[in-house]
Amino acid sequence: MNRRNMLYGGVAVAAAVAGAGAAWWKFQPHGEMTSAASVDATKDFWAMHFDSPDGKDVAMSSFRGKLLLVNFWATWCPPCVEELPLLDFFYQENKNKNVQIVGLAVDQPSAVRTWLQTRPLNFPVGMAGLGGTELSKSLGNTAGSLPFTVVFGTSGQLLHRKIGKVLPEELVQWTQLS
């Protein structure tokens, strides 16, 4: 084998390994979680309570038994506010199909209240504040990026994580995960 063929072969192997690694990273959150930290974070999540913008209690345990999409967002995050109408429409269309969406605002309560006055949402919003960043990290958002969405199955297990804006076809796929 000449040197050029060896070089091409090495590049091909490196590309295949990189592609497999990227695919594993992208699809790894599906199915059962394996790390104890992830299992603990999921268990802790279900015990959490947040205040809604109007001061009511938003208990995560009240959504058990439903397919739950939790969207971490902020008023200062353009992709976050761009995807909220899609999430709201999807919620309206699917709320009677055992699907629940909850928005966790990683923001100042006053900014969220002001924003919601002009763009109300039909799904519950919890005020996660800056602690929402740590919560999202514990659920797999290692970069702390927004928007970040997690999907929990009807039995409470974490099924999927997504950093960035959700797409309509992803919402449809996620409803079939449970």
Foldseek 3Di string as FASTA:
>chain_A
DDPVVVVVVVVVVVVVVVVVVVVCVQQVLADFDDDPLLVVLLVVQQQDWFAFLVGDIDHSVVLAQAWEKEKEEEPVDVQRVVQQVVVQVVCVVCVVVRYAYEYEYQYDSVRVVVVCVVPPGPHTYGDCHVVVLVSVVSNPPVVSAPTKMWIAHNNRGTGDIDHTHDDPVVVVVSNVRD
